[in-house]
Protein backbone atom coordinates (compact mmCIF):
# COMPACT_ATOMS: atom_id res chain seq x y z
CA MET A 1 119.25 135.29 136.31
CA ALA A 2 118.23 131.71 135.72
CA PHE A 3 114.68 132.29 134.45
CA GLN A 4 112.85 135.39 133.37
CA SER A 5 109.31 136.24 134.31
CA PRO A 6 106.52 134.50 132.37
CA MET A 7 105.24 138.03 131.71
CA ASP A 8 108.24 138.74 129.38
CA THR A 9 107.37 139.93 125.95
CA ARG A 10 106.82 136.95 123.62
CA PRO A 11 109.58 136.68 121.01
CA GLY A 12 108.70 137.70 117.48
CA THR A 13 109.35 135.92 114.21
CA ALA A 14 111.15 137.20 111.16
CA ASP A 15 109.67 138.19 107.81
CA LEU A 16 110.86 136.04 104.96
CA GLU A 17 111.26 139.17 102.86
CA ASN A 18 114.27 140.01 105.07
CA PRO A 19 117.23 138.20 103.53
CA LEU A 20 118.60 137.65 107.05
CA TYR A 21 115.37 136.19 108.42
CA TYR A 22 117.14 133.00 109.32
CA LEU A 23 119.44 134.95 111.58
CA GLU A 24 116.57 136.68 113.37
CA ASN A 25 114.96 133.34 114.09
CA MET A 26 118.29 131.84 115.35
CA GLU A 27 118.69 134.82 117.67
CA THR A 28 115.17 134.14 118.92
CA VAL A 29 116.22 130.57 119.80
CA VAL A 30 119.46 131.53 121.48
CA GLY A 31 117.72 134.37 123.43
CA TRP A 32 114.92 132.09 124.54
CA VAL A 33 117.27 129.46 125.89
CA LEU A 34 119.40 132.06 127.69
CA ASN A 35 116.24 133.52 129.27
CA HIS A 36 114.41 130.28 130.17
CA HIS A 37 117.12 127.61 130.52
CA ALA A 38 120.25 129.38 131.67
CA ASP A 39 120.37 127.36 134.89
CA LEU A 40 120.77 124.26 132.74
CA LEU A 41 123.80 125.66 130.97
CA THR A 42 127.31 125.88 132.36
CA THR A 43 128.91 129.28 132.89
CA GLU A 44 131.17 128.58 129.94
CA GLU A 45 128.10 127.73 127.70
CA GLN A 46 126.33 130.86 128.72
CA ASP A 47 129.38 132.96 127.97
CA ARG A 48 129.71 131.29 124.58
CA LEU A 49 126.07 132.04 123.62
CA ARG A 50 126.51 135.65 124.66
CA ALA A 51 129.69 135.79 122.58
CA PHE A 52 127.58 134.60 119.63
CA GLN A 53 125.26 137.54 120.18
CA ALA A 54 128.32 139.85 120.18
CA LEU A 55 129.70 138.72 116.81
CA SER A 56 129.34 141.06 113.89
CA LEU A 57 126.17 140.53 111.89
CA PRO A 58 127.92 138.89 108.89
CA ALA A 59 129.74 136.48 111.20
CA ARG A 60 126.53 135.55 113.10
CA ALA A 61 124.70 135.03 109.84
CA LEU A 62 127.40 132.86 108.28
CA LEU A 63 127.72 130.70 111.43
CA THR A 64 123.95 130.32 111.52
CA ARG A 65 123.89 129.14 107.89
CA MET A 66 126.62 126.56 108.69
CA VAL A 67 124.92 125.32 111.85
CA MET A 68 121.70 124.81 109.84
CA ARG A 69 123.39 122.66 107.24
CA THR A 70 124.20 118.94 107.50
CA GLY A 71 127.51 118.06 109.06
CA GLU A 72 130.22 120.11 110.74
CA LEU A 73 132.81 120.38 107.88
CA PHE A 74 132.61 122.97 105.11
CA ARG A 75 134.75 124.03 102.21
CA ALA A 76 135.44 127.79 102.39
CA ASP A 77 135.31 128.06 98.62
CA LYS A 78 131.77 126.66 98.57
CA LEU A 79 130.26 129.13 101.03
CA ARG A 80 128.24 131.67 98.94
CA TYR A 81 125.92 133.96 100.91
CA PRO A 82 125.64 137.38 99.18
CA GLU A 83 123.20 138.64 101.83
CA LEU A 84 126.08 138.88 104.31
CA GLY A 85 127.09 142.19 102.76
CA VAL A 86 130.83 141.37 103.08
CA PRO A 87 133.10 138.70 101.50
CA GLU A 88 132.56 135.34 103.10
CA SER A 89 136.26 135.21 103.84
CA GLU A 90 135.98 138.22 106.11
CA ALA A 91 133.20 136.61 108.20
CA LEU A 92 135.23 133.30 108.26
CA GLU A 93 138.28 135.12 109.55
CA GLU A 94 136.31 136.55 112.50
CA LEU A 95 134.76 133.13 113.28
CA VAL A 96 138.18 131.43 113.21
CA ALA A 97 139.76 134.11 115.37
CA ASP A 98 136.99 133.75 117.96
CA TYR A 99 137.34 129.93 117.92
CA TRP A 100 133.87 129.29 116.48
CA LEU A 101 135.63 127.49 113.58
CA ASP A 102 138.70 125.30 113.35
CA ALA A 103 140.47 126.22 110.09
CA GLU A 104 142.87 123.20 110.24
CA PRO A 105 140.76 120.13 111.13
CA LEU A 106 142.11 116.64 110.55
CA LEU A 107 140.11 114.81 107.89
CA THR A 108 139.60 111.12 107.41
CA LEU A 109 139.54 109.74 103.89
CA ASP A 110 135.77 109.33 104.07
CA GLN A 111 135.31 112.95 105.03
CA LEU A 112 137.62 114.06 102.25
CA PHE A 113 135.53 112.14 99.75
CA ARG A 114 132.35 113.74 101.03
CA LEU A 115 133.78 117.22 100.57
CA TYR A 116 135.43 116.93 97.14
CA THR A 117 134.27 115.78 93.71
CA LEU A 118 135.59 112.82 91.73
CA GLY A 119 137.29 115.20 89.29
CA GLU A 120 139.14 116.89 92.12
CA LEU A 121 140.17 113.57 93.76
CA ARG A 122 141.39 111.57 90.81
CA PRO A 123 144.63 113.46 90.21
CA VAL A 124 145.47 113.27 93.92
CA PHE A 125 145.16 109.49 94.14
CA ALA A 126 146.05 108.47 90.56
CA ALA A 127 149.51 107.25 91.66
CA ALA A 128 148.18 105.35 94.66
CA LEU A 129 145.59 103.65 92.55
CA GLN A 130 148.12 102.68 89.86
CA GLU A 131 150.51 101.37 92.47
CA ALA A 132 147.71 99.17 93.85
CA GLY A 133 146.96 97.86 90.37
CA TRP A 134 143.73 99.78 89.78
CA GLN A 135 142.55 102.05 86.97
CA LYS A 136 142.40 105.73 87.82
CA THR A 137 138.98 105.88 86.19
CA LEU A 138 137.27 104.00 89.06
CA PRO A 139 133.93 105.48 90.22
CA LYS A 140 134.10 107.49 93.38
CA TRP A 141 132.57 104.85 95.71
CA GLN A 142 134.92 102.21 94.46
CA MET A 143 137.94 104.45 94.68
CA LEU A 144 137.11 105.16 98.35
CA GLU A 145 136.67 101.51 99.09
CA VAL A 146 140.04 100.65 97.42
CA LEU A 147 142.01 103.42 99.21
CA GLN A 148 140.66 102.99 102.75
CA GLN A 149 143.20 100.41 103.81
CA SER A 150 146.08 102.50 102.47
CA PHE A 151 144.99 105.73 104.16
CA PRO A 152 143.53 104.76 107.59
CA ASP A 153 144.65 107.94 109.43
CA ALA A 154 143.08 111.44 109.56
CA LEU A 155 145.38 114.07 107.98
CA SER A 156 145.28 117.79 107.50
CA LEU A 157 143.92 119.21 104.26
CA ALA A 158 147.38 120.33 103.25
CA ASP A 159 148.70 116.73 103.73
CA TRP A 160 145.86 115.45 101.55
CA LEU A 161 145.72 117.99 98.78
CA GLY A 162 148.75 120.34 99.17
CA MET A 163 149.06 123.89 100.27
CA ASP A 164 147.26 125.66 97.40
CA VAL A 165 143.64 124.77 98.31
CA GLN A 166 141.02 126.87 100.06
CA PRO A 167 140.60 125.74 103.71
CA VAL A 168 138.06 123.40 105.12
CA VAL A 169 136.59 124.64 108.36
CA CYS A 170 134.92 122.71 111.17
CA ILE A 171 132.28 124.07 113.55
CA ASN A 172 133.80 123.86 117.03
CA PRO A 173 130.71 124.19 119.37
CA MET A 174 128.28 121.95 117.50
CA ALA A 175 127.48 120.08 120.74
CA LEU A 176 126.52 123.40 122.26
CA PHE A 177 124.11 124.20 119.42
CA ASP A 178 122.60 120.71 119.69
CA ARG A 179 122.05 121.28 123.40
CA VAL A 180 120.35 124.57 122.59
CA ARG A 181 118.24 122.93 119.87
CA LEU A 182 117.18 120.26 122.36
CA MET A 183 116.13 122.75 125.03
CA PHE A 184 114.22 124.83 122.52
CA PHE A 185 112.41 122.06 120.54
CA GLY A 186 112.32 119.46 123.37
CA ASN A 187 113.77 116.93 120.95
CA LEU A 188 116.65 116.42 118.52
CA ARG A 189 114.33 115.00 115.77
CA GLN A 190 113.54 118.52 114.56
CA SER A 191 116.24 120.27 112.62
CA TRP A 192 117.09 123.96 112.72
CA SER A 193 115.30 124.37 109.43
CA ASP A 194 112.04 123.41 111.22
CA PHE A 195 112.20 126.81 112.91
CA VAL A 196 114.89 128.97 111.42
CA LEU A 197 113.76 128.60 107.80
CA VAL A 198 110.04 128.76 108.44
CA GLU A 199 107.99 131.92 108.44
CA LEU A 200 106.12 131.53 111.68
CA GLY A 201 104.34 134.89 111.67
CA HIS A 202 101.52 133.75 109.41
CA GLN A 203 100.11 131.60 112.18
CA ARG A 204 98.71 132.56 115.62
CA TYR A 205 99.91 130.48 118.53
CA GLU A 206 98.16 129.97 121.84
CA PRO A 207 99.96 131.94 124.61
CA VAL A 208 101.28 129.55 127.19
CA THR A 209 102.70 130.72 130.51
CA PHE A 210 106.28 129.53 130.87
CA THR A 211 107.55 128.98 134.39
CA PRO A 212 110.44 126.92 135.70
CA ASP A 213 107.98 124.28 136.83
CA SER A 214 106.52 123.85 133.36
CA ARG A 215 109.83 123.00 131.74
CA ALA A 216 110.65 119.45 130.65
CA PHE A 217 114.14 119.67 132.09
CA GLN A 218 114.59 120.75 135.68
CA HIS A 219 118.25 119.73 135.99
CA ARG A 220 121.19 119.66 133.67
CA SER A 221 121.57 115.89 134.39
CA GLU A 222 118.13 115.40 132.68
CA VAL A 223 119.41 117.10 129.54
CA ASP A 224 122.42 114.75 129.67
CA ILE A 225 120.09 111.75 129.99
CA TYR A 226 118.17 112.84 126.91
CA LEU A 227 121.39 113.27 124.92
CA THR A 228 122.52 109.83 126.01
CA MET A 229 119.23 108.31 124.86
CA HIS A 230 119.52 110.15 121.55
CA GLN A 231 123.01 108.72 121.07
CA CYS A 232 121.65 105.19 121.82
CA ARG A 233 118.97 105.67 119.22
CA GLU A 234 121.55 106.87 116.66
CA TRP A 235 123.67 103.80 117.31
CA LEU A 236 120.68 101.54 116.72
CA ASP A 237 119.89 103.41 113.49
CA GLU A 238 123.51 102.98 112.39
CA GLY A 239 123.32 99.23 112.91
CA VAL A 240 125.22 98.86 116.20
CA PRO A 241 124.13 95.61 117.71
CA ALA A 242 121.39 95.92 120.30
CA ARG A 243 123.43 93.95 122.91
CA GLU A 244 126.15 96.69 122.68
CA VAL A 245 123.64 99.55 123.10
CA TRP A 246 121.74 97.94 125.96
CA PRO A 247 124.36 98.76 128.64
CA GLU A 248 124.41 102.40 127.59
CA VAL A 249 120.67 102.92 128.06
CA PRO A 250 120.21 105.30 131.08
CA ALA A 251 118.50 104.07 134.22
CA PRO A 252 114.84 104.95 134.74
CA SER A 253 114.17 108.62 135.56
CA ASP A 254 111.67 110.22 137.87
CA ASN A 255 111.04 112.74 135.05
CA ALA A 256 107.88 111.37 133.37
CA TRP A 257 108.69 113.02 130.04
CA LEU A 258 112.09 111.41 129.97
CA ALA A 259 110.59 108.11 131.02
CA SER A 260 108.27 108.08 128.06
CA ARG A 261 111.22 108.67 125.65
CA ARG A 262 113.12 105.86 127.37
CA ASP A 263 110.09 103.58 126.85
CA ARG A 264 110.26 104.32 123.06
CA LEU A 265 113.98 103.72 123.00
CA LEU A 266 113.51 100.33 124.66
CA LEU A 267 110.79 99.34 122.25
CA GLU A 268 113.12 100.04 119.28
CA LEU A 269 115.97 98.24 121.06
CA GLY A 270 113.71 95.23 121.60
CA ARG A 271 112.65 95.19 117.97
CA GLN A 272 116.23 95.26 116.74
CA ALA A 273 117.38 92.66 119.33
CA GLU A 274 114.66 90.34 118.11
CA ARG A 275 115.71 90.84 114.46
CA GLN A 276 119.30 90.14 115.49
CA GLY A 277 118.38 86.88 117.15
CA GLU A 278 118.84 88.19 120.69
CA ARG A 279 115.51 86.94 121.95
CA GLU A 280 116.16 87.11 125.70
CA LEU A 281 117.38 90.67 125.36
CA ALA A 282 114.30 91.55 123.31
CA LEU A 283 112.13 90.10 125.98
CA GLN A 284 113.87 92.11 128.67
CA ALA A 285 113.59 95.33 126.61
CA PHE A 286 109.93 94.91 125.81
CA GLY A 287 109.16 93.95 129.46
CA THR A 288 111.02 96.99 130.74
CA SER A 289 109.44 99.36 128.28
CA GLY A 290 106.13 100.99 129.26
CA HIS A 291 105.26 101.74 125.64
CA ARG A 292 101.80 100.53 124.70
CA GLU A 293 103.13 98.56 121.72
CA ALA A 294 105.78 96.72 123.81
CA ARG A 295 103.40 94.41 125.62
CA LEU A 296 101.90 92.85 122.54
CA LYS A 297 105.39 92.41 121.07
CA GLN A 298 106.52 90.78 124.27
CA LEU A 299 103.54 88.33 124.18
CA ARG A 300 104.04 87.44 120.52
CA LEU A 301 107.75 86.77 121.11
CA LEU A 302 106.96 84.51 124.04
CA GLU A 303 104.56 82.66 121.81
CA ARG A 304 107.21 82.09 119.16
CA MET A 305 109.53 80.89 121.89
CA LYS A 306 106.78 78.45 123.05
CA ARG A 307 106.76 79.95 126.59
CA HIS A 308 103.01 79.77 126.55
CA ARG A 309 102.36 79.58 130.29
CA GLU A 310 104.46 82.79 130.92
CA ALA A 311 102.63 84.54 128.07
CA TRP A 312 99.28 83.46 129.47
CA ALA A 313 100.06 84.91 132.88
CA ILE A 314 101.11 88.27 131.47
CA ALA A 315 98.16 88.44 129.04
CA SER A 316 95.63 87.53 131.76
CA ARG A 317 96.84 90.32 134.00
CA TRP A 318 96.93 92.77 131.15
CA GLN A 319 93.34 91.94 130.12
CA THR A 320 91.95 93.65 133.26
CA GLN A 321 93.41 97.08 132.30
CA ASP A 322 91.97 99.84 130.12
CA LEU A 323 92.98 99.11 126.54
CA SER A 324 92.57 100.78 123.25
CA ASP A 325 90.55 98.89 120.62
CA ALA A 326 93.73 97.85 118.76
CA GLU A 327 95.27 96.55 121.99
CA ALA A 328 92.12 94.70 123.03
CA GLN A 329 91.85 93.11 119.60
CA GLY A 330 95.44 91.99 119.53
CA LEU A 331 95.28 90.68 123.09
CA ALA A 332 92.03 88.71 122.41
CA ARG A 333 93.69 86.93 119.47
CA ILE A 334 96.71 86.03 121.62
CA LEU A 335 94.56 84.73 124.50
CA LYS A 336 92.55 82.59 122.10
CA ARG A 337 95.70 80.97 120.70
CA LEU A 338 97.20 80.53 124.14
CA ALA A 339 94.02 79.00 125.55
CA ALA A 340 93.97 76.34 122.82
CA LYS A 341 97.63 75.40 123.58
CA LEU A 342 97.23 75.34 127.34
CA GLY A 343 93.81 73.75 127.60
CA GLU A 344 92.50 76.83 129.36
CA GLY A 345 89.01 78.17 128.93
CA PRO A 346 89.11 80.61 126.04
CA PRO A 347 88.20 84.17 126.74
CA PRO A 348 84.54 85.00 125.97
CA ALA A 349 84.13 85.80 122.28
CA LEU A 350 82.94 89.32 121.73
CA THR A 351 80.38 89.43 118.97
CA PRO A 352 80.67 92.86 117.34
CA PRO A 353 77.44 94.70 116.86
CA PRO A 354 76.19 94.83 113.25
CA ILE A 355 77.19 97.89 111.19
CA ARG A 356 74.44 99.58 109.31
CA GLU A 357 74.87 99.68 105.53
CA PHE A 358 73.12 101.03 102.53
CA THR A 359 73.86 101.29 98.79
CA LEU A 360 73.50 104.22 96.33
CA THR A 361 73.76 103.78 92.60
CA LEU A 362 74.68 107.13 91.10
CA PRO A 363 75.79 108.52 87.76
CA LYS A 364 79.56 108.81 87.77
CA PRO A 365 80.47 112.48 87.93
CA ALA A 366 82.95 113.98 85.50
CA LEU A 367 84.66 115.78 88.33
CA GLY A 368 84.76 115.38 92.12
CA SER A 369 85.16 112.58 94.59
CA VAL A 370 82.80 109.80 95.44
CA GLU A 371 82.24 111.48 98.83
CA PHE A 372 81.13 114.69 97.06
CA ALA A 373 78.75 112.74 94.82
CA ALA A 374 77.20 111.01 97.84
CA GLN A 375 76.92 114.33 99.71
CA GLN A 376 75.21 116.07 96.87
CA HIS A 377 72.72 113.16 96.43
CA LEU A 378 71.91 112.95 100.13
CA TRP A 379 71.57 116.69 100.71
CA ARG A 380 68.06 118.00 101.56
CA ASP A 381 67.22 121.50 102.58
CA ASP A 382 65.82 120.19 105.83
CA SER A 383 68.61 117.55 106.25
CA PRO A 384 71.92 119.18 105.22
CA VAL A 385 74.96 116.90 104.72
CA PHE A 386 78.58 118.02 105.32
CA TYR A 387 81.91 116.45 104.48
CA VAL A 388 83.78 116.42 107.76
CA GLU A 389 85.73 113.15 108.08
CA ASN A 390 88.17 113.64 111.04
CA THR A 391 87.53 117.37 111.51
CA LEU A 392 84.18 117.82 113.26
CA ILE A 393 84.42 115.62 116.32
CA ASN A 394 88.05 116.47 116.79
CA GLY A 395 87.20 120.12 116.42
CA LEU A 396 84.40 120.02 118.99
CA PHE A 397 86.75 118.24 121.37
CA GLY A 398 89.52 120.79 120.79
CA LEU A 399 87.21 123.73 121.48
CA LEU A 400 85.69 122.18 124.61
CA CYS A 401 89.02 121.16 126.01
CA TRP A 402 91.11 124.11 124.71
CA GLN A 403 92.43 125.30 128.02
CA THR A 404 93.29 121.75 129.12
CA ILE A 405 95.19 121.01 125.90
CA PHE A 406 97.29 124.11 126.38
CA GLU A 407 97.86 123.58 130.13
CA PRO A 408 101.58 124.26 130.80
CA VAL A 409 102.39 120.89 132.36
CA PRO A 410 106.13 119.88 132.35
CA GLY A 411 107.37 118.72 129.03
CA ALA A 412 104.36 120.04 127.05
CA PHE A 413 105.65 123.33 125.73
CA PHE A 414 109.22 124.37 125.06
CA HIS A 415 108.76 127.67 123.14
CA PRO A 416 105.91 130.02 122.05
CA PHE A 417 105.42 128.46 118.65
CA HIS A 418 103.81 125.11 119.45
CA VAL A 419 100.76 123.98 117.46
CA GLY A 420 99.97 121.75 120.42
CA PRO A 421 101.59 120.09 123.44
CA ALA A 422 104.64 117.98 122.80
CA ASP A 423 103.24 115.11 124.84
CA LEU A 424 99.93 114.95 122.99
CA THR A 425 100.25 111.28 121.88
CA ARG A 426 102.08 110.13 125.00
CA GLU A 427 100.29 107.52 127.15
CA ASP A 428 100.22 109.78 130.20
CA PHE A 429 98.80 112.76 128.34
CA VAL A 430 95.38 112.41 129.97
CA ALA A 431 96.58 111.29 133.39
CA ARG A 432 98.71 114.39 133.81
CA ARG A 433 95.66 116.52 133.12
CA GLN A 434 92.98 114.34 134.59
CA ALA A 435 91.42 116.92 136.93
CA SER A 436 91.19 119.42 134.08
CA PHE A 437 89.63 116.92 131.73
CA ASP A 438 87.17 115.99 134.41
CA ARG A 439 86.05 119.62 134.54
CA CYS A 440 85.58 119.63 130.71
CA PHE A 441 83.41 116.55 130.85
CA ALA A 442 81.40 118.07 133.71
CA CYS A 443 80.36 120.78 131.24
CA LEU A 444 78.81 118.07 129.05
CA GLN A 445 76.80 116.87 132.04
CA ASP A 446 75.53 120.28 133.26
CA ASN A 447 74.90 121.60 129.73
CA SER A 448 77.40 124.48 129.95
CA TYR A 449 79.45 122.84 127.19
CA ARG A 450 77.69 124.78 124.42
CA GLU A 451 78.66 128.15 125.89
CA ARG A 452 82.24 127.00 126.48
CA ILE A 453 82.67 125.66 122.96
CA LEU A 454 81.22 128.84 121.37
CA ASP A 455 83.26 131.15 123.61
CA ASN A 456 86.46 129.32 122.56
CA TYR A 457 85.36 129.35 118.94
CA ARG A 458 84.99 133.13 118.97
CA ALA A 459 88.00 133.98 121.18
CA LYS A 460 90.45 131.56 119.58
CA GLN A 461 89.51 132.01 115.95
CA GLY A 462 92.51 131.24 113.77
CA THR A 463 94.74 130.16 116.65
CA THR A 464 96.57 126.88 115.99
CA ASN A 465 95.23 123.81 117.81
CA PRO A 466 96.09 120.18 116.92
CA PHE A 467 92.38 119.25 116.88
CA VAL A 468 90.80 122.30 115.14
CA ILE A 469 90.90 122.81 111.43
CA TRP A 470 89.47 126.34 111.15
CA PRO A 471 88.58 126.50 107.47
CA VAL A 472 86.27 123.45 107.90
CA LEU A 473 84.68 124.39 111.21
CA THR A 474 82.21 127.01 110.01
CA GLU A 475 79.61 128.72 112.26
CA GLU A 476 76.82 126.92 110.34
CA LEU A 477 78.43 123.49 110.88
CA LEU A 478 79.21 124.23 114.51
CA SER A 479 75.69 125.43 115.24
CA LEU A 480 74.05 122.45 113.63
CA ALA A 481 76.41 120.04 115.45
CA LEU A 482 75.62 121.62 118.82
CA ASP A 483 71.91 121.59 118.09
CA CYS A 484 71.77 118.02 116.85
CA ILE A 485 74.46 115.95 118.70
CA PRO A 486 73.40 115.20 122.24
CA PRO A 487 76.10 115.90 124.91
CA ALA A 488 75.97 112.30 126.05
CA ASP A 489 77.11 111.26 122.62
CA LEU A 490 79.84 113.85 122.57
CA GLU A 491 81.10 112.56 125.94
CA ARG A 492 81.16 108.96 124.59
CA LEU A 493 83.09 110.06 121.53
CA PHE A 494 85.53 112.27 123.45
CA ARG A 495 86.27 109.63 126.01
CA ARG A 496 87.07 107.10 123.34
CA LEU A 497 89.27 109.67 121.58
CA LEU A 498 91.32 110.11 124.77
CA LEU A 499 91.96 106.36 125.17
CA ASN A 500 94.46 106.55 122.38
CA ILE A 501 94.74 109.95 120.69
CA ARG A 502 97.25 108.74 118.12
CA GLU A 503 95.01 105.95 116.98
CA HIS A 504 91.52 107.35 117.61
CA ARG A 505 91.62 110.81 116.08
CA SER A 506 91.37 109.27 112.62
CA GLY A 507 88.85 106.85 111.17
CA PHE A 508 85.76 109.02 111.60
CA PRO A 509 83.06 108.72 108.85
CA ASP A 510 83.30 111.06 105.80
CA LEU A 511 79.90 112.75 106.07
CA ILE A 512 77.47 113.91 108.74
CA ARG A 513 73.82 114.47 108.00
CA PHE A 514 71.74 116.60 110.35
CA HIS A 515 67.97 116.42 110.96
CA PRO A 516 67.41 119.58 112.96
CA GLY A 517 63.59 119.41 112.60
CA ASN A 518 63.36 115.81 113.90
CA THR A 519 61.36 115.85 117.11
CA GLY A 520 60.70 112.12 117.33
CA PRO A 521 62.69 109.42 119.12
CA ASP A 522 65.28 109.10 116.27
CA ARG A 523 68.50 110.98 116.50
CA GLN A 524 68.93 114.32 114.85
CA TYR A 525 72.11 113.35 113.11
CA GLU A 526 73.89 110.44 111.40
CA MET A 527 77.50 109.87 110.43
CA ILE A 528 78.08 108.20 107.11
CA GLU A 529 81.20 106.51 105.78
CA VAL A 530 81.35 106.58 101.96
CA LYS A 531 82.95 103.74 99.98
CA GLY A 532 83.26 103.80 96.29
CA PRO A 533 83.52 100.81 93.93
CA GLY A 534 86.43 98.56 94.95
CA ASP A 535 87.03 100.44 98.21
CA ARG A 536 86.68 98.78 101.58
CA LEU A 537 86.70 99.66 105.26
CA GLN A 538 90.02 99.97 107.02
CA ASP A 539 90.58 98.41 110.45
CA HIS A 540 90.49 101.68 112.36
CA GLN A 541 87.28 102.69 110.56
CA ILE A 542 85.68 99.34 111.44
CA ARG A 543 86.63 99.87 115.11
CA TRP A 544 84.97 103.28 115.12
CA LEU A 545 81.83 101.90 113.38
CA GLU A 546 81.56 99.02 115.85
CA PHE A 547 81.97 101.51 118.66
CA PHE A 548 79.14 103.66 117.19
CA ALA A 549 76.85 100.57 116.92
CA GLY A 550 77.62 99.52 120.49
CA ALA A 551 77.13 102.97 121.97
CA GLY A 552 73.92 103.64 120.09
CA ILE A 553 75.47 106.47 118.04
CA PRO A 554 73.85 106.73 114.59
CA ALA A 555 76.31 105.78 111.90
CA SER A 556 76.31 103.75 108.65
CA VAL A 557 78.33 102.84 105.60
CA CYS A 558 77.25 104.03 102.21
CA TYR A 559 78.46 101.90 99.35
CA VAL A 560 78.36 103.81 96.09
CA ARG A 561 78.00 102.10 92.71
CA TRP A 562 78.27 103.91 89.40
CA GLN A 563 75.71 103.68 86.64
CA GLU A 564 76.48 104.69 83.13
CA THR A 565 73.15 106.40 82.42
CA GLY A 566 69.81 106.90 83.92
CA VAL A 567 68.34 108.27 87.11
CA PRO A 568 70.01 107.56 90.47
CA GLU A 569 68.34 104.88 92.51
């Protein structure tokens, strides 16, 4: 069967007190992929994974340990896992007999030097070094460098070191395990240790319904495309020239999730092409990439190449689109420079609204932060002050939009242990859930938002959410926030957050002061950014503060100065 019912029992996680916990978690991964992605595996791959499940417990555990480690080559005499319950040699013998391991791999000189110590290698190559006119006491790196031309071919371990050494074994199906890892995690950036060596049971995860339609990969060819893109990125990281990697980049895919990963690959290829002097290739890569950083890089490169008219045309078209603050700021600077060079009318200068400021002079506390000192000074029984920084507004958003955040759209969830959707910071995160977000914002407009937030707060208590930090979001704080922050302000804040989640979910002020008894025209709350002596506002904090000022949201900057003695001013 290609895919099991979404009503299947959710897989459990192992207890770290079990010495074989890592095997339990690996078996969870293999079982999950067989249940939910079998149609993306060949018959041979499915059979191989079932053969893994049929191995003896010691053999399964030893192979899991080896798969989790770096590389594919291992010295048999260095494998020490007493929890197997049998000698490692016994488990190795089973794995070799069942073709999981190759006991006679050919080794390059470089691989040999990675596996063996300097003390073990010196006697082997002493004669070769002497014959080449080198001292046998060379450090390891220099010995390798000297010998590489003399030993260009891969040889068996016996040919290198003789017949009396313990074998080196090589994992045969590493590509299969990489494919399994990709389909489970949805990426190859995460290692096995991100799942297998972590005790997952101490967290609660939001149940997400898994169906064939919600998977990131619908066809095996899409998995292959991902693997090809991963290889391209590895080549770039290894220093392969961008012009050689460019022809290997897969064509655009209809799969939106794959398209976003291709956009990131092209952004990096463009960066490296520019550094390598391949400016035309860099322009092509930036222009093809849909990544939000690519457009500014393309325009700046066109400027450096003095192709000002071309840059002006692109920048003028881009100016009409929805932009994050950082994009708008960068684009405005480019347009201003281009206008001066081309004799065009400069874009209208946007005068940022003034940011409210005040200063406190306080005794320097023996312990605690400047934020805590300001909070204690500002606190009044009728105007409580809380340290919230990035937690409160994000938390309110996460509670209001909980069901939307965990909507099982394709490419969002790969397994039951996600803290949040995998596409959270992708540029199409909102667009793929637009109707659902619209329903959330409708709650702010018909005043049903309070009930929705409180219902989720009670029902989801302790469940992981990328926007909700449970220890900070107390009932007292939540109640005051819902009493004092108007829904219109929440909507403005949430809409800006969604313009660029990666950028905008940080930079919120440190403190929030509530005025629950205020019945006048002034707002019932104020956000306060605290800056100690010598500290200054960062760009993303300034952008939030300017947004607050322009939107009429009460916020200010508190500059704290220390006094040696006396009463605070």
